[in-house]
Amino acid sequence: MKNVIYALLALGIMFSGCEKFDDGGSVRKADKTITETLWEIQSAIDLEDGSDITGDYSGEAWEFTDDLKFMINSTLEGTYKFSDDKYTLIITDLSGSTDTYLIDRLDSEAMWLTILSEEALRFIPL
């Protein structure tokens, strides 16, 4: 019986740090993953009418720095932070306006962000 309890405790410890975003990527590695890459928007969809708005982001390279700065094409645009559970990315521009994105995927191959009822953004590394 004691061995079963130890085994269950070990499994609990092993899997407690393995939280994943819905479509891929480790929540635990979110800070590192977001800052290691320049991100280019592969597609953008307006969720209100379903239209493709990828062209609105043409030529943009998003960057997130270790010191919590948010940049587009190497120009400071504001700051960013994760929510406490890291499932949400909050970007505050220089004027103080805030956009809150749900993180659906964040790994070395893609970043998928959604502003509920507004936009779905799919990024790939540059």
Protein backbone atom coordinates (compact mmCIF):
# COMPACT_ATOMS: atom_id res chain seq x y z
CA MET A 1 0.00 0.00 0.00
CA LYS A 2 2.84 2.35 0.86
CA ASN A 3 4.38 1.78 -2.61
CA VAL A 4 1.09 2.70 -4.31
CA ILE A 5 0.92 5.96 -2.37
CA TYR A 6 4.51 6.82 -3.30
CA ALA A 7 3.85 6.00 -6.94
CA LEU A 8 0.76 8.23 -7.02
CA LEU A 9 2.66 11.08 -5.37
CA ALA A 10 5.49 10.74 -7.89
CA LEU A 11 3.04 10.81 -10.80
CA GLY A 12 1.34 13.88 -9.37
CA ILE A 13 4.65 15.71 -9.09
CA MET A 14 5.69 14.70 -12.61
CA PHE A 15 2.49 15.87 -14.26
CA SER A 16 1.86 18.99 -12.20
CA GLY A 17 4.45 20.92 -14.24
CA CYS A 18 3.26 19.69 -17.65
CA GLU A 19 0.40 22.06 -18.36
CA LYS A 20 -0.12 22.65 -22.07
CA PHE A 21 -1.88 25.29 -24.12
CA ASP A 22 -4.99 23.97 -25.89
CA ASP A 23 -3.30 23.57 -29.28
CA GLY A 24 0.30 22.99 -28.18
CA GLY A 25 3.23 24.28 -26.22
CA SER A 26 4.23 24.18 -22.59
CA VAL A 27 2.75 26.80 -20.26
CA ARG A 28 5.83 26.45 -18.07
CA LYS A 29 8.10 27.50 -20.97
CA ALA A 30 5.95 30.44 -22.17
CA ASP A 31 8.36 33.16 -21.00
CA LYS A 32 11.31 31.57 -22.76
CA THR A 33 9.43 30.60 -25.93
CA ILE A 34 7.93 34.03 -26.58
CA THR A 35 11.24 35.87 -26.23
CA GLU A 36 13.41 33.54 -28.31
CA THR A 37 11.70 34.35 -31.60
CA LEU A 38 10.75 37.18 -33.94
CA TRP A 39 7.13 36.49 -34.84
CA GLU A 40 5.51 37.10 -38.23
CA ILE A 41 1.76 36.93 -38.69
CA GLN A 42 0.89 34.06 -40.99
CA SER A 43 -2.86 34.71 -40.87
CA ALA A 44 -5.35 36.98 -39.17
CA ILE A 45 -9.12 36.53 -39.12
CA ASP A 46 -11.72 39.08 -38.04
CA LEU A 47 -13.96 37.00 -35.77
CA GLU A 48 -16.93 39.37 -36.11
CA ASP A 49 -17.42 38.71 -39.83
CA GLY A 50 -14.91 35.95 -40.64
CA SER A 51 -12.93 38.07 -43.07
CA ASP A 52 -9.22 37.62 -43.72
CA ILE A 53 -7.36 40.66 -42.33
CA THR A 54 -3.83 39.28 -42.71
CA GLY A 55 -2.95 42.22 -44.96
CA ASP A 56 -3.48 44.61 -42.04
CA TYR A 57 -0.34 43.10 -40.47
CA SER A 58 1.78 42.84 -43.63
CA GLY A 59 5.48 43.34 -43.00
CA GLU A 60 5.16 43.31 -39.20
CA ALA A 61 7.63 41.40 -37.04
CA TRP A 62 6.52 41.19 -33.40
CA GLU A 63 9.17 40.85 -30.73
CA PHE A 64 8.89 40.26 -27.00
CA THR A 65 12.02 41.03 -24.96
CA ASP A 66 13.25 39.58 -21.67
CA ASP A 67 12.65 42.94 -20.00
CA LEU A 68 8.91 42.80 -20.96
CA LYS A 69 9.05 45.22 -23.89
CA PHE A 70 6.80 44.69 -26.90
CA MET A 71 8.24 45.78 -30.24
CA ILE A 72 7.09 45.78 -33.84
CA ASN A 73 9.84 45.95 -36.47
CA SER A 74 12.38 46.84 -33.76
CA THR A 75 10.33 49.87 -32.66
CA LEU A 76 9.09 50.00 -29.06
CA GLU A 77 5.29 49.77 -29.06
CA GLY A 78 4.67 49.10 -25.36
CA THR A 79 4.99 46.37 -22.77
CA TYR A 80 3.63 42.88 -22.27
CA LYS A 81 3.00 40.47 -19.44
CA PHE A 82 1.41 37.11 -18.89
CA SER A 83 -1.54 36.57 -16.59
CA ASP A 84 -0.70 34.68 -13.40
CA ASP A 85 -1.68 31.35 -15.00
CA LYS A 86 0.14 32.27 -18.27
CA TYR A 87 -2.86 31.43 -20.46
CA THR A 88 -3.35 35.10 -21.32
CA LEU A 89 -0.97 37.63 -22.87
CA ILE A 90 -1.61 41.29 -22.05
CA ILE A 91 -0.06 43.94 -24.30
CA THR A 92 -0.19 47.59 -23.23
CA ASP A 93 0.74 50.13 -25.89
CA LEU A 94 2.59 53.37 -25.18
CA SER A 95 -0.68 55.30 -24.81
CA GLY A 96 -1.85 52.90 -22.07
CA SER A 97 -4.41 51.02 -24.19
CA THR A 98 -4.48 47.29 -23.41
CA ASP A 99 -5.22 44.25 -25.57
CA THR A 100 -5.76 40.89 -23.88
CA TYR A 101 -5.03 37.77 -25.91
CA LEU A 102 -5.90 34.18 -25.06
CA ILE A 103 -2.96 31.93 -25.89
CA ASP A 104 -4.08 28.87 -27.83
CA ARG A 105 -0.61 27.72 -28.85
CA LEU A 106 2.91 28.86 -28.01
CA ASP A 107 5.87 26.73 -29.05
CA SER A 108 8.95 27.08 -31.24
CA GLU A 109 6.90 26.55 -34.40
CA ALA A 110 3.89 28.81 -33.86
CA MET A 111 2.08 31.28 -31.64
CA TRP A 112 -1.72 31.47 -31.83
CA LEU A 113 -3.45 34.37 -30.10
CA THR A 114 -7.13 35.28 -29.92
CA ILE A 115 -8.88 38.44 -28.80
CA LEU A 116 -12.33 37.06 -28.01
CA SER A 117 -15.00 38.14 -30.50
CA GLU A 118 -12.43 40.26 -32.36
CA GLU A 119 -9.40 38.61 -33.98
CA ALA A 120 -7.56 35.32 -34.27
CA LEU A 121 -3.85 35.76 -35.05
CA ARG A 122 -1.52 32.96 -36.14
CA PHE A 123 2.23 33.66 -36.00
CA ILE A 124 5.23 31.77 -37.29
CA PRO A 125 8.90 32.39 -36.49
CA LEU A 126 10.86 34.62 -38.83
